[in-house]
Amino acid sequence: PVPARGGVVGGSCFHCAAGAAALVAVSGAGSRTVLRQRRRGALTRVAALADWPVSFVNASSADEVLKKVQWPAEWPYTQEDFARQDESEDDQFYSQPRLCTHVDDAFIATLTKHYGEVFASYPDARILDICSSWISHYPEKKCWSHVSITGMNEYELQNNRQADDYTVRNLNVIPQLPYDDASFDIVTCTVSFDYLNKPLEVMREVARVLKPGGKVILSTSNRCFPTKAVNIWLRTGDLEHVLIYGSYMHYAGDFEPPQCLDLSSPLSRVGFSDPVYVIQAKKKMS
């Protein structure tokens, strides 16, 4: 999956909104620059729906966005929405192993805690981590039976201690997942889905490999590598990002209504910690 764990191939990545009211450049892994969004905001645009997703956010908090949305009748995106500033080969961008993380420790601890709570409701689960890397942020205490991972950088995948097997795959080129139907109880993707240029195809694949009643868990923050994030992500803010992720689940057609959990700490409200947004949904039973 293109961005192994986040945007860059090592660890988890960040998601930012280039259309935000205020953006601050901060140092990222190595010499890369990432952007941190300090305030939510969005730019108007011309798309399949000129006001999507901005005018469809009818809530003031992330955890209310998906409860109040009125979904457009048809897929509201254009191909341009999933173009990127840097359309060079992703294999080159992710060729250098990066055994680091790209969200802060508080984000990781919060996400790991959430995973532990969800995993406990699926005893001996088979789990798939897409856009993965050397770390999946799963709990230290194993409560599952098997973990498969896919990502862009083989060295990173080889170093993931929680994985039982791995597959190197660029989901921007081949969006099909190399697994049987209904073979997983849970699919996770940590701060990475905004780098996928075929998100609906990938989400339909997620639905295909999930068992009925299985759960997909996407997480995001307010950081990204802007040259590889899709255009629609860079033109919108945190609340729209929640709606965008939720829309992938909605239009895939095989999920129950998605929900968002805002697990951010109070420090994130004042810019001292990374916000934590989890968007998840269960696959329909039939």
Protein backbone atom coordinates (compact mmCIF):
# COMPACT_ATOMS: atom_id res chain seq x y z
CA PRO A 1 0.00 0.00 0.00
CA VAL A 2 1.60 3.10 -1.04
CA PRO A 3 2.58 4.96 2.03
CA ALA A 4 3.87 2.43 4.43
CA ARG A 5 2.44 3.46 7.69
CA GLY A 6 1.54 7.00 7.17
CA GLY A 7 2.93 8.88 4.29
CA VAL A 8 6.49 8.02 4.43
CA VAL A 9 7.53 4.48 4.52
CA GLY A 10 8.61 4.16 8.07
CA GLY A 11 6.38 4.26 11.05
CA SER A 12 3.17 6.16 10.86
CA CYS A 13 2.74 9.25 8.85
CA PHE A 14 1.04 12.51 9.14
CA HIS A 15 -1.86 14.16 7.58
CA CYS A 16 -2.17 17.87 7.15
CA ALA A 17 -4.53 20.13 5.33
CA ALA A 18 -2.71 22.44 2.98
CA GLY A 19 -5.85 24.57 2.78
CA ALA A 20 -5.81 25.21 6.49
CA ALA A 21 -5.95 28.67 7.95
CA ALA A 22 -2.46 28.35 9.35
CA LEU A 23 0.23 25.86 8.45
CA VAL A 24 3.59 25.57 10.13
CA ALA A 25 6.52 23.64 8.66
CA VAL A 26 8.26 21.38 11.16
CA SER A 27 11.13 18.98 10.86
CA GLY A 28 10.19 15.48 9.80
CA ALA A 29 12.13 12.26 9.36
CA GLY A 30 15.58 13.01 8.02
CA SER A 31 15.55 16.12 5.88
CA ARG A 32 11.89 15.90 4.89
CA THR A 33 9.48 18.68 5.71
CA VAL A 34 6.02 17.98 7.02
CA LEU A 35 3.26 20.43 7.69
CA ARG A 36 1.28 20.82 10.87
CA GLN A 37 -2.18 22.28 10.73
CA ARG A 38 -2.89 24.62 13.60
CA ARG A 39 -6.43 25.62 12.73
CA ARG A 40 -9.12 23.95 10.74
CA GLY A 41 -10.04 25.50 7.39
CA ALA A 42 -10.78 24.76 3.79
CA LEU A 43 -10.59 26.22 0.32
CA THR A 44 -13.48 26.22 -2.10
CA ARG A 45 -13.04 24.16 -5.25
CA VAL A 46 -14.70 22.86 -8.38
CA ALA A 47 -15.37 19.11 -8.26
CA ALA A 48 -18.10 16.57 -8.86
CA LEU A 49 -19.97 18.55 -6.22
CA ALA A 50 -18.57 22.06 -5.99
CA ASP A 51 -19.26 22.24 -2.25
CA TRP A 52 -18.11 18.74 -1.32
CA PRO A 53 -17.03 18.06 1.34
CA VAL A 54 -16.99 21.49 2.99
CA SER A 55 -20.72 22.20 2.94
CA PHE A 56 -21.55 18.68 4.06
CA VAL A 57 -19.90 19.12 7.45
CA ASN A 58 -22.81 19.99 9.72
CA ALA A 59 -21.03 19.59 13.02
CA SER A 60 -18.53 21.49 15.12
CA SER A 61 -16.72 18.43 16.46
CA ALA A 62 -15.09 15.48 14.72
CA ASP A 63 -17.10 12.84 16.55
CA GLU A 64 -20.36 14.41 15.32
CA VAL A 65 -19.43 14.78 11.63
CA LEU A 66 -20.52 11.33 10.48
CA LYS A 67 -23.65 11.34 12.64
CA LYS A 68 -25.12 14.33 10.85
CA VAL A 69 -23.98 13.96 7.25
CA GLN A 70 -26.45 13.68 4.38
CA TRP A 71 -24.56 11.66 1.81
CA PRO A 72 -24.75 12.72 -1.86
CA ALA A 73 -26.55 10.16 -4.01
CA GLU A 74 -23.42 9.47 -6.05
CA TRP A 75 -19.64 9.35 -5.53
CA PRO A 76 -18.80 13.05 -5.06
CA TYR A 77 -15.19 13.04 -6.26
CA THR A 78 -13.42 13.63 -9.55
CA GLN A 79 -10.21 12.04 -10.73
CA GLU A 80 -8.45 15.35 -10.12
CA ASP A 81 -9.28 15.09 -6.42
CA PHE A 82 -6.89 12.14 -6.19
CA ALA A 83 -4.04 13.64 -8.17
CA ARG A 84 -0.89 14.57 -6.25
CA GLN A 85 1.77 17.23 -6.51
CA ASP A 86 4.41 14.54 -6.98
CA GLU A 87 3.27 11.89 -9.44
CA SER A 88 6.70 10.30 -9.71
CA GLU A 89 6.99 6.59 -8.96
CA ASP A 90 6.02 5.86 -5.37
CA ASP A 91 8.55 3.03 -5.32
CA GLN A 92 11.29 5.65 -5.49
CA PHE A 93 9.78 7.87 -2.80
CA TYR A 94 9.51 4.95 -0.39
CA SER A 95 12.70 3.13 -1.36
CA GLN A 96 14.73 4.35 1.61
CA PRO A 97 13.87 2.52 4.86
CA ARG A 98 12.82 4.82 7.68
CA LEU A 99 12.64 3.07 11.01
CA CYS A 100 11.00 5.98 12.77
CA THR A 101 7.56 7.24 13.69
CA HIS A 102 5.86 10.35 12.39
CA VAL A 103 3.19 11.04 14.96
CA ASP A 104 3.93 11.82 18.56
CA ASP A 105 4.08 9.38 21.45
CA ALA A 106 0.71 10.46 22.79
CA PHE A 107 -0.96 9.66 19.47
CA ILE A 108 0.67 6.24 19.37
CA ALA A 109 -0.29 5.42 22.97
CA THR A 110 -3.88 6.48 22.36
CA LEU A 111 -4.20 4.48 19.16
CA THR A 112 -2.60 1.41 20.75
CA LYS A 113 -5.09 1.61 23.62
CA HIS A 114 -7.98 1.83 21.17
CA TYR A 115 -6.69 -1.13 19.19
CA GLY A 116 -6.50 -3.13 22.39
CA GLU A 117 -10.13 -2.37 23.20
CA VAL A 118 -11.33 -3.34 19.73
CA PHE A 119 -9.13 -6.41 19.41
CA ALA A 120 -10.50 -7.75 22.70
CA SER A 121 -13.94 -8.02 21.10
CA TYR A 122 -12.54 -10.27 18.36
CA PRO A 123 -10.81 -13.13 20.23
CA ASP A 124 -8.05 -14.84 18.27
CA ALA A 125 -8.59 -12.43 15.39
CA ARG A 126 -6.86 -12.50 12.07
CA ILE A 127 -5.72 -8.92 11.45
CA LEU A 128 -4.49 -7.12 8.33
CA ASP A 129 -2.49 -3.89 8.52
CA ILE A 130 -2.33 -2.07 5.19
CA CYS A 131 0.09 0.72 4.29
CA SER A 132 2.22 -0.82 6.97
CA SER A 133 5.83 -0.52 8.02
CA TRP A 134 8.15 -1.63 10.81
CA ILE A 135 5.54 -0.89 13.48
CA SER A 136 1.77 -1.40 13.55
CA HIS A 137 1.05 0.24 16.92
CA TYR A 138 -0.73 -2.87 18.20
CA PRO A 139 -0.71 -3.72 21.92
CA GLU A 140 2.37 -5.49 23.25
CA LYS A 141 0.26 -8.28 24.74
CA LYS A 142 -0.84 -10.52 21.89
CA CYS A 143 -4.58 -11.24 21.77
CA TRP A 144 -4.88 -12.24 18.11
CA SER A 145 -4.02 -15.35 16.13
CA HIS A 146 -2.33 -13.91 13.03
CA VAL A 147 -1.21 -10.56 11.59
CA SER A 148 -0.59 -9.94 7.89
CA ILE A 149 0.83 -6.64 6.66
CA THR A 150 1.31 -4.94 3.32
CA GLY A 151 3.49 -1.93 2.61
CA MET A 152 5.97 -0.35 0.24
CA ASN A 153 9.36 -1.00 1.78
CA GLU A 154 10.43 -4.61 2.28
CA TYR A 155 13.11 -3.89 4.86
CA GLU A 156 10.61 -2.10 7.06
CA LEU A 157 8.06 -4.89 6.72
CA GLN A 158 10.71 -7.48 7.60
CA ASN A 159 11.35 -5.58 10.82
CA ASN A 160 7.74 -5.55 11.99
CA ARG A 161 7.87 -7.84 15.04
CA GLN A 162 4.11 -8.24 15.25
CA ALA A 163 3.64 -9.46 11.68
CA ASP A 164 3.41 -13.14 10.79
CA ASP A 165 3.71 -12.47 7.06
CA TYR A 166 4.11 -9.51 4.75
CA THR A 167 3.52 -8.55 1.13
CA VAL A 168 5.21 -5.67 -0.66
CA ARG A 169 2.55 -3.91 -2.70
CA ASN A 170 1.90 -0.46 -4.15
CA LEU A 171 -1.84 0.00 -3.82
CA ASN A 172 -1.71 3.07 -6.04
CA VAL A 173 -0.73 0.79 -8.90
CA ILE A 174 -2.41 -2.47 -7.89
CA PRO A 175 -5.31 -1.72 -5.52
CA GLN A 176 -6.22 -5.38 -5.13
CA LEU A 177 -5.28 -7.00 -1.82
CA PRO A 178 -3.55 -10.40 -2.18
CA TYR A 179 -5.83 -12.24 0.25
CA ASP A 180 -8.87 -14.51 0.09
CA ASP A 181 -12.42 -13.31 0.62
CA ALA A 182 -13.56 -13.04 4.24
CA SER A 183 -10.12 -13.93 5.60
CA PHE A 184 -9.71 -11.21 8.28
CA ASP A 185 -11.62 -10.04 11.33
CA ILE A 186 -10.00 -6.58 11.43
CA VAL A 187 -8.23 -4.33 8.91
CA THR A 188 -6.23 -1.33 10.13
CA CYS A 189 -4.53 1.58 8.39
CA THR A 190 -2.65 4.18 10.41
CA VAL A 191 -2.44 7.74 9.03
CA SER A 192 -1.99 6.55 5.45
CA PHE A 193 -5.22 6.36 3.52
CA ASP A 194 -4.83 9.97 2.31
CA TYR A 195 -1.94 8.84 0.11
CA LEU A 196 -4.06 6.39 -1.88
CA ASN A 197 -5.19 7.59 -5.30
CA LYS A 198 -7.73 4.77 -5.70
CA PRO A 199 -9.34 4.88 -2.25
CA LEU A 200 -12.72 3.45 -3.23
CA GLU A 201 -11.15 0.46 -4.97
CA VAL A 202 -8.95 -0.20 -1.94
CA MET A 203 -11.86 0.19 0.49
CA ARG A 204 -13.91 -2.28 -1.55
CA GLU A 205 -10.98 -4.67 -1.30
CA VAL A 206 -10.93 -4.12 2.45
CA ALA A 207 -14.60 -5.06 2.54
CA ARG A 208 -13.94 -8.15 0.43
CA VAL A 209 -11.23 -9.55 2.70
CA LEU A 210 -13.15 -8.77 5.91
CA LYS A 211 -15.46 -11.34 7.42
CA PRO A 212 -19.09 -10.28 7.94
CA GLY A 213 -19.14 -8.30 11.18
CA GLY A 214 -15.43 -7.54 10.84
CA LYS A 215 -14.16 -4.02 11.37
CA VAL A 216 -12.03 -1.55 9.41
CA ILE A 217 -10.17 1.04 11.51
CA LEU A 218 -8.58 4.10 9.88
CA SER A 219 -6.73 6.70 11.91
CA THR A 220 -5.52 10.15 11.03
CA SER A 221 -4.01 13.27 12.56
CA ASN A 222 -3.15 16.69 11.15
CA ARG A 223 0.16 15.97 9.44
CA CYS A 224 1.15 14.72 6.02
CA PHE A 225 3.78 14.73 3.33
CA PRO A 226 1.98 17.19 1.05
CA THR A 227 3.64 16.18 -2.20
CA LYS A 228 2.24 12.64 -1.91
CA ALA A 229 -1.13 13.32 -0.28
CA VAL A 230 -4.08 13.54 -2.67
CA ASN A 231 -5.40 16.96 -3.66
CA ILE A 232 -8.71 16.69 -1.84
CA TRP A 233 -6.84 16.13 1.41
CA LEU A 234 -4.70 19.21 0.99
CA ARG A 235 -7.72 21.41 0.28
CA THR A 236 -9.61 20.55 3.41
CA GLY A 237 -9.31 20.53 7.19
CA ASP A 238 -9.69 18.06 10.04
CA LEU A 239 -13.49 17.80 10.01
CA GLU A 240 -13.57 17.35 6.25
CA HIS A 241 -10.89 14.66 6.58
CA VAL A 242 -13.19 12.70 8.86
CA LEU A 243 -15.94 13.02 6.28
CA ILE A 244 -13.63 11.96 3.44
CA TYR A 245 -12.56 8.79 5.26
CA GLY A 246 -16.13 8.04 6.20
CA SER A 247 -17.24 8.52 2.60
CA TYR A 248 -14.89 5.78 1.41
CA MET A 249 -16.62 3.35 3.75
CA HIS A 250 -20.08 4.61 2.83
CA TYR A 251 -19.63 4.38 -0.94
CA ALA A 252 -17.91 1.01 -0.76
CA GLY A 253 -21.42 -0.24 -0.04
CA ASP A 254 -20.58 -3.14 2.28
CA PHE A 255 -20.27 -1.35 5.61
CA GLU A 256 -22.60 -0.24 8.34
CA PRO A 257 -22.65 3.55 8.87
CA PRO A 258 -19.13 4.70 9.77
CA GLN A 259 -18.37 6.42 13.04
CA CYS A 260 -15.65 8.80 14.16
CA LEU A 261 -13.99 8.81 17.57
CA ASP A 262 -12.10 11.95 18.50
CA LEU A 263 -9.52 10.57 20.91
CA SER A 264 -7.42 13.72 21.00
CA SER A 265 -5.96 14.91 24.28
CA PRO A 266 -6.66 18.41 25.67
CA LEU A 267 -3.09 19.37 24.70
CA SER A 268 -3.94 18.88 21.04
CA ARG A 269 -6.50 21.68 21.27
CA VAL A 270 -3.68 24.15 21.86
CA GLY A 271 -1.21 22.65 19.42
CA PHE A 272 1.02 20.79 21.88
CA SER A 273 0.03 17.28 20.84
CA ASP A 274 -1.15 15.54 17.68
CA PRO A 275 -4.92 15.11 17.45
CA VAL A 276 -6.20 11.54 17.12
CA TYR A 277 -9.15 10.78 14.87
CA VAL A 278 -10.34 7.21 14.39
CA ILE A 279 -12.85 6.43 11.65
CA GLN A 280 -14.20 2.90 11.71
CA ALA A 281 -17.04 0.75 10.47
CA LYS A 282 -18.26 -2.84 10.62
CA LYS A 283 -18.83 -4.92 7.53
CA LYS A 284 -22.50 -5.75 7.08
CA MET A 285 -23.57 -9.23 8.05
CA SER A 286 -25.19 -9.82 4.67
